[in-house]
PDB file of N, CA and C in Angstrom:
ATOM      1  N   MET A   1     136.288  45.927  70.804  1.00  0.00           N
ATOM      2  CA  MET A   1     135.401  45.952  69.676  1.00  0.00           C
ATOM      3  C   MET A   1     136.262  45.819  68.432  1.00  0.00           C
ATOM      4  N   SER A   2     135.815  44.985  67.515  1.00  0.00           N
ATOM      5  CA  SER A   2     136.589  44.810  66.298  1.00  0.00           C
ATOM      6  C   SER A   2     136.248  45.911  65.293  1.00  0.00           C
ATOM      7  N   GLY A   3     137.037  45.977  64.241  1.00  0.00           N
ATOM      8  CA  GLY A   3     136.862  47.005  63.225  1.00  0.00           C
ATOM      9  C   GLY A   3     135.496  47.003  62.577  1.00  0.00           C
ATOM     10  N   ASN A   4     134.789  45.879  62.615  1.00  0.00           N
ATOM     11  CA  ASN A   4     133.455  45.836  62.023  1.00  0.00           C
ATOM     12  C   ASN A   4     132.349  45.949  63.075  1.00  0.00           C
ATOM     13  N   GLY A   5     132.703  46.353  64.301  1.00  0.00           N
ATOM     14  CA  GLY A   5     131.713  46.626  65.329  1.00  0.00           C
ATOM     15  C   GLY A   5     131.315  45.459  66.206  1.00  0.00           C
ATOM     16  N   VAL A   6     131.916  44.298  66.011  1.00  0.00           N
ATOM     17  CA  VAL A   6     131.585  43.135  66.822  1.00  0.00           C
ATOM     18  C   VAL A   6     132.183  43.290  68.217  1.00  0.00           C
ATOM     19  N   LEU A   7     131.391  42.974  69.236  1.00  0.00           N
ATOM     20  CA  LEU A   7     131.850  43.045  70.618  1.00  0.00           C
ATOM     21  C   LEU A   7     132.350  41.663  71.032  1.00  0.00           C
ATOM     22  N   GLY A   8     133.648  41.492  71.059  1.00  0.00           N
ATOM     23  CA  GLY A   8     134.240  40.225  71.462  1.00  0.00           C
ATOM     24  C   GLY A   8     134.434  40.181  72.966  1.00  0.00           C
ATOM     25  N   VAL A   9     134.349  38.992  73.523  1.00  0.00           N
ATOM     26  CA  VAL A   9     134.521  38.801  74.968  1.00  0.00           C
ATOM     27  C   VAL A   9     135.588  37.729  75.167  1.00  0.00           C
ATOM     28  N   HIS A  10     136.668  38.097  75.863  1.00  0.00           N
ATOM     29  CA  HIS A  10     137.788  37.163  76.039  1.00  0.00           C
ATOM     30  C   HIS A  10     138.455  37.366  77.395  1.00  0.00           C
ATOM     31  N   ALA A  11     138.851  36.274  77.998  1.00  0.00           N
ATOM     32  CA  ALA A  11     139.640  36.333  79.225  1.00  0.00           C
ATOM     33  C   ALA A  11     141.116  36.203  78.852  1.00  0.00           C
ATOM     34  N   THR A  12     141.965  36.855  79.617  1.00  0.00           N
ATOM     35  CA  THR A  12     143.404  36.768  79.391  1.00  0.00           C
ATOM     36  C   THR A  12     144.135  37.028  80.695  1.00  0.00           C
ATOM     37  N   ASP A  13     145.347  36.531  80.791  1.00  0.00           N
ATOM     38  CA  ASP A  13     146.150  36.837  81.973  1.00  0.00           C
ATOM     39  C   ASP A  13     147.182  37.927  81.682  1.00  0.00           C
ATOM     40  N   ASN A  14     147.163  38.458  80.440  1.00  0.00           N
ATOM     41  CA  ASN A  14     148.077  39.529  80.071  1.00  0.00           C
ATOM     42  C   ASN A  14     147.380  40.431  79.060  1.00  0.00           C
ATOM     43  N   LEU A  15     146.646  41.419  79.562  1.00  0.00           N
ATOM     44  CA  LEU A  15     145.812  42.269  78.724  1.00  0.00           C
ATOM     45  C   LEU A  15     146.619  43.049  77.688  1.00  0.00           C
ATOM     46  N   GLU A  16     147.716  43.651  78.110  1.00  0.00           N
ATOM     47  CA  GLU A  16     148.524  44.441  77.159  1.00  0.00           C
ATOM     48  C   GLU A  16     149.022  43.575  76.010  1.00  0.00           C
ATOM     49  N   HIS A  17     149.488  42.376  76.330  1.00  0.00           N
ATOM     50  CA  HIS A  17     149.973  41.464  75.289  1.00  0.00           C
ATOM     51  C   HIS A  17     148.827  41.066  74.346  1.00  0.00           C
ATOM     52  N   ARG A  18     147.682  40.758  74.905  1.00  0.00           N
ATOM     53  CA  ARG A  18     146.530  40.346  74.096  1.00  0.00           C
ATOM     54  C   ARG A  18     146.130  41.447  73.127  1.00  0.00           C
ATOM     55  N   ILE A  19     146.039  42.673  73.612  1.00  0.00           N
ATOM     56  CA  ILE A  19     145.669  43.795  72.748  1.00  0.00           C
ATOM     57  C   ILE A  19     146.730  44.008  71.673  1.00  0.00           C
ATOM     58  N   GLY A  20     148.002  43.925  72.066  1.00  0.00           N
ATOM     59  CA  GLY A  20     149.088  44.105  71.103  1.00  0.00           C
ATOM     60  C   GLY A  20     149.056  43.084  69.985  1.00  0.00           C
ATOM     61  N   THR A  21     148.796  41.822  70.323  1.00  0.00           N
ATOM     62  CA  THR A  21     148.749  40.797  69.270  1.00  0.00           C
ATOM     63  C   THR A  21     147.534  40.981  68.375  1.00  0.00           C
ATOM     64  N   HIS A  22     146.431  41.461  68.921  1.00  0.00           N
ATOM     65  CA  HIS A  22     145.267  41.764  68.078  1.00  0.00           C
ATOM     66  C   HIS A  22     145.590  42.897  67.111  1.00  0.00           C
ATOM     67  N   HIS A  23     146.220  43.961  67.627  1.00  0.00           N
ATOM     68  CA  HIS A  23     146.577  45.100  66.769  1.00  0.00           C
ATOM     69  C   HIS A  23     147.562  44.694  65.678  1.00  0.00           C
ATOM     70  N   ALA A  24     148.494  43.818  66.035  1.00  0.00           N
ATOM     71  CA  ALA A  24     149.494  43.384  65.060  1.00  0.00           C
ATOM     72  C   ALA A  24     148.932  42.364  64.074  1.00  0.00           C
ATOM     73  N   GLY A  25     147.805  41.753  64.408  1.00  0.00           N
ATOM     74  CA  GLY A  25     147.223  40.741  63.538  1.00  0.00           C
ATOM     75  C   GLY A  25     147.936  39.408  63.593  1.00  0.00           C
ATOM     76  N   THR A  26     148.743  39.185  64.637  1.00  0.00           N
ATOM     77  CA  THR A  26     149.550  37.962  64.712  1.00  0.00           C
ATOM     78  C   THR A  26     148.809  36.771  65.309  1.00  0.00           C
ATOM     79  N   LEU A  27     147.628  36.996  65.865  1.00  0.00           N
ATOM     80  CA  LEU A  27     146.869  35.883  66.430  1.00  0.00           C
ATOM     81  C   LEU A  27     146.206  35.030  65.356  1.00  0.00           C
ATOM     82  N   GLY A  28     146.006  35.609  64.192  1.00  0.00           N
ATOM     83  CA  GLY A  28     145.226  34.904  63.184  1.00  0.00           C
ATOM     84  C   GLY A  28     143.774  34.900  63.621  1.00  0.00           C
ATOM     85  N   GLY A  29     142.982  34.096  62.990  1.00  0.00           N
ATOM     86  CA  GLY A  29     141.590  33.965  63.390  1.00  0.00           C
ATOM     87  C   GLY A  29     140.756  35.190  63.071  1.00  0.00           C
ATOM     88  N   TYR A  30     139.654  35.306  63.790  1.00  0.00           N
ATOM     89  CA  TYR A  30     138.598  36.276  63.493  1.00  0.00           C
ATOM     90  C   TYR A  30     139.083  37.721  63.430  1.00  0.00           C
ATOM     91  N   THR A  31     139.792  38.185  64.449  1.00  0.00           N
ATOM     92  CA  THR A  31     140.143  39.611  64.490  1.00  0.00           C
ATOM     93  C   THR A  31     141.282  39.988  63.561  1.00  0.00           C
ATOM     94  N   SER A  32     142.022  39.014  63.045  1.00  0.00           N
ATOM     95  CA  SER A  32     143.156  39.371  62.179  1.00  0.00           C
ATOM     96  C   SER A  32     142.697  40.094  60.920  1.00  0.00           C
ATOM     97  N   THR A  33     141.480  39.867  60.488  1.00  0.00           N
ATOM     98  CA  THR A  33     140.957  40.550  59.291  1.00  0.00           C
ATOM     99  C   THR A  33     139.941  41.624  59.651  1.00  0.00           C
ATOM    100  N   ARG A  34     139.779  41.914  60.916  1.00  0.00           N
ATOM    101  CA  ARG A  34     138.788  42.888  61.359  1.00  0.00           C
ATOM    102  C   ARG A  34     139.405  43.933  62.281  1.00  0.00           C
ATOM    103  N   ARG A  35     140.546  44.429  61.886  1.00  0.00           N
ATOM    104  CA  ARG A  35     141.228  45.441  62.677  1.00  0.00           C
ATOM    105  C   ARG A  35     140.825  46.813  62.183  1.00  0.00           C
ATOM    106  N   PRO A  36     141.002  47.846  62.966  1.00  0.00           N
ATOM    107  CA  PRO A  36     141.604  47.840  64.293  1.00  0.00           C
ATOM    108  C   PRO A  36     140.630  47.319  65.350  1.00  0.00           C
ATOM    109  N   VAL A  37     141.174  46.917  66.459  1.00  0.00           N
ATOM    110  CA  VAL A  37     140.357  46.518  67.608  1.00  0.00           C
ATOM    111  C   VAL A  37     140.526  47.568  68.693  1.00  0.00           C
ATOM    112  N   ALA A  38     139.522  47.694  69.537  1.00  0.00           N
ATOM    113  CA  ALA A  38     139.581  48.672  70.634  1.00  0.00           C
ATOM    114  C   ALA A  38     139.068  48.012  71.902  1.00  0.00           C
ATOM    115  N   LEU A  39     139.778  48.215  72.986  1.00  0.00           N
ATOM    116  CA  LEU A  39     139.325  47.741  74.290  1.00  0.00           C
ATOM    117  C   LEU A  39     138.262  48.719  74.786  1.00  0.00           C
ATOM    118  N   VAL A  40     137.053  48.220  75.026  1.00  0.00           N
ATOM    119  CA  VAL A  40     135.977  49.101  75.468  1.00  0.00           C
ATOM    120  C   VAL A  40     135.552  48.835  76.905  1.00  0.00           C
ATOM    121  N   TRP A  41     135.977  47.715  77.480  1.00  0.00           N
ATOM    122  CA  TRP A  41     135.657  47.400  78.871  1.00  0.00           C
ATOM    123  C   TRP A  41     136.584  46.296  79.342  1.00  0.00           C
ATOM    124  N   SER A  42     136.972  46.338  80.600  1.00  0.00           N
ATOM    125  CA  SER A  42     137.749  45.245  81.186  1.00  0.00           C
ATOM    126  C   SER A  42     137.470  45.186  82.680  1.00  0.00           C
ATOM    127  N   GLN A  43     137.734  44.032  83.240  1.00  0.00           N
ATOM    128  CA  GLN A  43     137.595  43.836  84.675  1.00  0.00           C
ATOM    129  C   GLN A  43     138.648  42.842  85.119  1.00  0.00           C
ATOM    130  N   GLU A  44     139.244  43.091  86.269  1.00  0.00           N
ATOM    131  CA  GLU A  44     140.222  42.161  86.831  1.00  0.00           C
ATOM    132  C   GLU A  44     139.525  41.195  87.773  1.00  0.00           C
ATOM    133  N   PHE A  45     140.037  39.962  87.820  1.00  0.00           N
ATOM    134  CA  PHE A  45     139.504  38.928  88.702  1.00  0.00           C
ATOM    135  C   PHE A  45     140.633  38.330  89.519  1.00  0.00           C
ATOM    136  N   THR A  46     140.291  37.775  90.642  1.00  0.00           N
ATOM    137  CA  THR A  46     141.272  37.178  91.531  1.00  0.00           C
ATOM    138  C   THR A  46     141.815  35.875  90.963  1.00  0.00           C
ATOM    139  N   THR A  47     140.942  35.083  90.344  1.00  0.00           N
ATOM    140  CA  THR A  47     141.365  33.784  89.821  1.00  0.00           C
ATOM    141  C   THR A  47     140.980  33.636  88.352  1.00  0.00           C
ATOM    142  N   CYS A  48     141.667  32.734  87.690  1.00  0.00           N
ATOM    143  CA  CYS A  48     141.334  32.423  86.285  1.00  0.00           C
ATOM    144  C   CYS A  48     139.926  31.856  86.189  1.00  0.00           C
ATOM    145  N   GLU A  49     139.528  31.064  87.165  1.00  0.00           N
ATOM    146  CA  GLU A  49     138.195  30.463  87.149  1.00  0.00           C
ATOM    147  C   GLU A  49     137.107  31.532  87.160  1.00  0.00           C
ATOM    148  N   GLU A  50     137.299  32.568  87.982  1.00  0.00           N
ATOM    149  CA  GLU A  50     136.324  33.662  88.029  1.00  0.00           C
ATOM    150  C   GLU A  50     136.279  34.403  86.696  1.00  0.00           C
ATOM    151  N   ALA A  51     137.443  34.630  86.106  1.00  0.00           N
ATOM    152  CA  ALA A  51     137.497  35.327  84.820  1.00  0.00           C
ATOM    153  C   ALA A  51     136.808  34.521  83.730  1.00  0.00           C
ATOM    154  N   LEU A  52     137.048  33.237  83.689  1.00  0.00           N
ATOM    155  CA  LEU A  52     136.429  32.385  82.668  1.00  0.00           C
ATOM    156  C   LEU A  52     134.922  32.278  82.866  1.00  0.00           C
ATOM    157  N   ALA A  53     134.480  32.238  84.114  1.00  0.00           N
ATOM    158  CA  ALA A  53     133.038  32.200  84.388  1.00  0.00           C
ATOM    159  C   ALA A  53     132.370  33.491  83.913  1.00  0.00           C
ATOM    160  N   ALA A  54     133.006  34.630  84.175  1.00  0.00           N
ATOM    161  CA  ALA A  54     132.463  35.918  83.723  1.00  0.00           C
ATOM    162  C   ALA A  54     132.459  35.989  82.200  1.00  0.00           C
ATOM    163  N   GLU A  55     133.531  35.495  81.570  1.00  0.00           N
ATOM    164  CA  GLU A  55     133.600  35.476  80.107  1.00  0.00           C
ATOM    165  C   GLU A  55     132.415  34.698  79.532  1.00  0.00           C
ATOM    166  N   GLN A  56     132.163  33.515  80.052  1.00  0.00           N
ATOM    167  CA  GLN A  56     131.061  32.698  79.549  1.00  0.00           C
ATOM    168  C   GLN A  56     129.710  33.366  79.790  1.00  0.00           C
ATOM    169  N   GLN A  57     129.553  33.996  80.932  1.00  0.00           N
ATOM    170  CA  GLN A  57     128.298  34.679  81.236  1.00  0.00           C
ATOM    171  C   GLN A  57     128.057  35.827  80.258  1.00  0.00           C
ATOM    172  N   ILE A  58     129.063  36.673  80.082  1.00  0.00           N
ATOM    173  CA  ILE A  58     128.906  37.853  79.230  1.00  0.00           C
ATOM    174  C   ILE A  58     128.755  37.457  77.767  1.00  0.00           C
ATOM    175  N   LYS A  59     129.427  36.403  77.331  1.00  0.00           N
ATOM    176  CA  LYS A  59     129.274  35.940  75.949  1.00  0.00           C
ATOM    177  C   LYS A  59     127.819  35.587  75.629  1.00  0.00           C
ATOM    178  N   GLY A  60     127.057  35.173  76.657  1.00  0.00           N
ATOM    179  CA  GLY A  60     125.659  34.828  76.448  1.00  0.00           C
ATOM    180  C   GLY A  60     124.707  36.025  76.436  1.00  0.00           C
ATOM    181  N   TRP A  61     125.225  37.199  76.713  1.00  0.00           N
ATOM    182  CA  TRP A  61     124.386  38.392  76.782  1.00  0.00           C
ATOM    183  C   TRP A  61     124.071  38.931  75.393  1.00  0.00           C
ATOM    184  N   SER A  62     122.977  39.667  75.303  1.00  0.00           N
ATOM    185  CA  SER A  62     122.623  40.359  74.067  1.00  0.00           C
ATOM    186  C   SER A  62     123.597  41.520  73.848  1.00  0.00           C
ATOM    187  N   ARG A  63     123.627  42.029  72.626  1.00  0.00           N
ATOM    188  CA  ARG A  63     124.460  43.192  72.335  1.00  0.00           C
ATOM    189  C   ARG A  63     124.036  44.378  73.202  1.00  0.00           C
ATOM    190  N   ALA A  64     122.727  44.570  73.359  1.00  0.00           N
ATOM    191  CA  ALA A  64     122.218  45.702  74.160  1.00  0.00           C
ATOM    192  C   ALA A  64     122.711  45.616  75.602  1.00  0.00           C
ATOM    193  N   LYS A  65     122.729  44.421  76.147  1.00  0.00           N
ATOM    194  CA  LYS A  65     123.186  44.250  77.532  1.00  0.00           C
ATOM    195  C   LYS A  65     124.693  44.491  77.634  1.00  0.00           C
ATOM    196  N   LYS A  66     125.459  44.040  76.631  1.00  0.00           N
ATOM    197  CA  LYS A  66     126.904  44.304  76.611  1.00  0.00           C
ATOM    198  C   LYS A  66     127.178  45.797  76.490  1.00  0.00           C
ATOM    199  N   GLU A  67     126.399  46.496  75.666  1.00  0.00           N
ATOM    200  CA  GLU A  67     126.587  47.942  75.521  1.00  0.00           C
ATOM    201  C   GLU A  67     126.290  48.660  76.835  1.00  0.00           C
ATOM    202  N   ALA A  68     125.273  48.194  77.563  1.00  0.00           N
ATOM    203  CA  ALA A  68     124.975  48.780  78.874  1.00  0.00           C
ATOM    204  C   ALA A  68     126.135  48.552  79.845  1.00  0.00           C
ATOM    205  N   LEU A  69     126.760  47.373  79.785  1.00  0.00           N
ATOM    206  CA  LEU A  69     127.925  47.084  80.623  1.00  0.00           C
ATOM    207  C   LEU A  69     129.067  48.040  80.289  1.00  0.00           C
ATOM    208  N   ILE A  70     129.327  48.238  79.018  1.00  0.00           N
ATOM    209  CA  ILE A  70     130.395  49.148  78.577  1.00  0.00           C
ATOM    210  C   ILE A  70     130.155  50.554  79.125  1.00  0.00           C
ATOM    211  N   LEU A  71     128.887  50.977  79.128  1.00  0.00           N
ATOM    212  CA  LEU A  71     128.536  52.317  79.617  1.00  0.00           C
ATOM    213  C   LEU A  71     128.441  52.391  81.139  1.00  0.00           C
ATOM    214  N   GLY A  72     128.479  51.225  81.802  1.00  0.00           N
ATOM    215  CA  GLY A  72     128.323  51.210  83.253  1.00  0.00           C
ATOM    216  C   GLY A  72     126.898  51.515  83.680  1.00  0.00           C
ATOM    217  N   ASP A  73     125.934  51.235  82.805  1.00  0.00           N
ATOM    218  CA  ASP A  73     124.521  51.520  83.062  1.00  0.00           C
ATOM    219  C   ASP A  73     123.870  50.295  83.704  1.00  0.00           C
ATOM    220  N   TRP A  74     124.003  50.187  85.023  1.00  0.00           N
ATOM    221  CA  TRP A  74     123.543  49.002  85.740  1.00  0.00           C
ATOM    222  C   TRP A  74     122.035  48.842  85.690  1.00  0.00           C
ATOM    223  N   LYS A  75     121.318  49.951  85.678  1.00  0.00           N
ATOM    224  CA  LYS A  75     119.862  49.863  85.586  1.00  0.00           C
ATOM    225  C   LYS A  75     119.449  49.269  84.233  1.00  0.00           C
ATOM    226  N   GLN A  76     120.126  49.669  83.177  1.00  0.00           N
ATOM    227  CA  GLN A  76     119.816  49.111  81.853  1.00  0.00           C
ATOM    228  C   GLN A  76     120.199  47.628  81.775  1.00  0.00           C
ATOM    229  N   ILE A  77     121.289  47.255  82.415  1.00  0.00           N
ATOM    230  CA  ILE A  77     121.659  45.829  82.465  1.00  0.00           C
ATOM    231  C   ILE A  77     120.526  45.044  83.122  1.00  0.00           C
ATOM    232  N   GLN A  78     119.978  45.564  84.213  1.00  0.00           N
ATOM    233  CA  GLN A  78     118.859  44.895  84.882  1.00  0.00           C
ATOM    234  C   GLN A  78     117.639  44.826  83.973  1.00  0.00           C
ATOM    235  N   ARG A  79     117.363  45.919  83.256  1.00  0.00           N
ATOM    236  CA  ARG A  79     116.223  45.907  82.323  1.00  0.00           C
ATOM    237  C   ARG A  79     116.411  44.833  81.263  1.00  0.00           C
ATOM    238  N   GLU A  80     117.608  44.766  80.698  1.00  0.00           N
ATOM    239  CA  GLU A  80     117.887  43.771  79.664  1.00  0.00           C
ATOM    240  C   GLU A  80     117.778  42.355  80.222  1.00  0.00           C
ATOM    241  N   ALA A  81     118.214  42.161  81.456  1.00  0.00           N
ATOM    242  CA  ALA A  81     118.143  40.847  82.076  1.00  0.00           C
ATOM    243  C   ALA A  81     116.692  40.446  82.363  1.00  0.00           C
ATOM    244  N   TRP A  82     115.855  41.420  82.632  1.00  0.00           N
ATOM    245  CA  TRP A  82     114.461  41.153  82.972  1.00  0.00           C
ATOM    246  C   TRP A  82     113.736  40.512  81.791  1.00  0.00           C
ATOM    247  N   GLY A  83     114.073  40.932  80.593  1.00  0.00           N
ATOM    248  CA  GLY A  83     113.424  40.383  79.407  1.00  0.00           C
ATOM    249  C   GLY A  83     112.221  41.207  78.987  1.00  0.00           C
ATOM    250  N   LYS A  84     111.582  40.766  77.921  1.00  0.00           N
ATOM    251  CA  LYS A  84     110.493  41.539  77.340  1.00  0.00           C
ATOM    252  C   LYS A  84     109.122  40.908  77.575  1.00  0.00           C
ATOM    253  N   LYS A  85     109.074  39.709  78.108  1.00  0.00           N
ATOM    254  CA  LYS A  85     107.794  39.008  78.274  1.00  0.00           C
ATOM    255  C   LYS A  85     107.014  39.465  79.497  1.00  0.00           C
ATOM    256  N   ASN A  86     107.711  39.945  80.515  1.00  0.00           N
ATOM    257  CA  ASN A  86     107.058  40.364  81.745  1.00  0.00           C
ATOM    258  C   ASN A  86     107.124  41.884  81.878  1.00  0.00           C
ATOM    259  N   PRO A  87     106.110  42.497  82.495  1.00  0.00           N
ATOM    260  CA  PRO A  87     106.195  43.952  82.713  1.00  0.00           C
ATOM    261  C   PRO A  87     107.342  44.285  83.652  1.00  0.00           C
ATOM    262  N   LEU A  88     108.012  45.391  83.368  1.00  0.00           N
ATOM    263  CA  LEU A  88     109.119  45.837  84.216  1.00  0.00           C
ATOM    264  C   LEU A  88     108.605  46.261  85.574  1.00  0.00           C
ATOM    265  N   PRO A  89     109.317  45.899  86.635  1.00  0.00           N
ATOM    266  CA  PRO A  89     108.946  46.422  87.945  1.00  0.00           C
ATOM    267  C   PRO A  89     109.202  47.934  87.987  1.00  0.00           C
ATOM    268  N   GLU A  90     108.518  48.610  88.838  1.00  0.00           N
ATOM    269  CA  GLU A  90     108.615  50.069  88.921  1.00  0.00           C
ATOM    270  C   GLU A  90     110.060  50.547  89.080  1.00  0.00           C
ATOM    271  N   ARG A  91     110.871  49.828  89.858  1.00  0.00           N
ATOM    272  CA  ARG A  91     112.253  50.262  90.122  1.00  0.00           C
ATOM    273  C   ARG A  91     113.126  50.245  88.869  1.00  0.00           C
ATOM    274  N   LEU A  92     112.703  49.557  87.808  1.00  0.00           N
ATOM    275  CA  LEU A  92     113.502  49.500  86.579  1.00  0.00           C
ATOM    276  C   LEU A  92     112.971  50.416  85.480  1.00  0.00           C
ATOM    277  N   ARG A  93     111.898  51.127  85.767  1.00  0.00           N
ATOM    278  CA  ARG A  93     111.328  52.033  84.738  1.00  0.00           C
ATOM    279  C   ARG A  93     112.034  53.338  84.701  1.00  0.00           C
TER     280      ARG A  93
END
């Protein structure tokens, strides 16, 4: 999460290095002016392709769904995925 509360989603092959460069502001770009940054969730993948696919999927999620992921609230993730146009099934209430 950036200093202004934005939830960024990024894949990397070196998490410690990525966080360090964000903290140092040496990457430039968006987070260089929005420090400090905090790691709020991470997941390891077997391949770069899997990591990039997950990155693209999560980037498309709403903030509410990302917050549920951070909290590990799988039922809320399902609720958010269900949408608001259809009534929730009993198992998600």
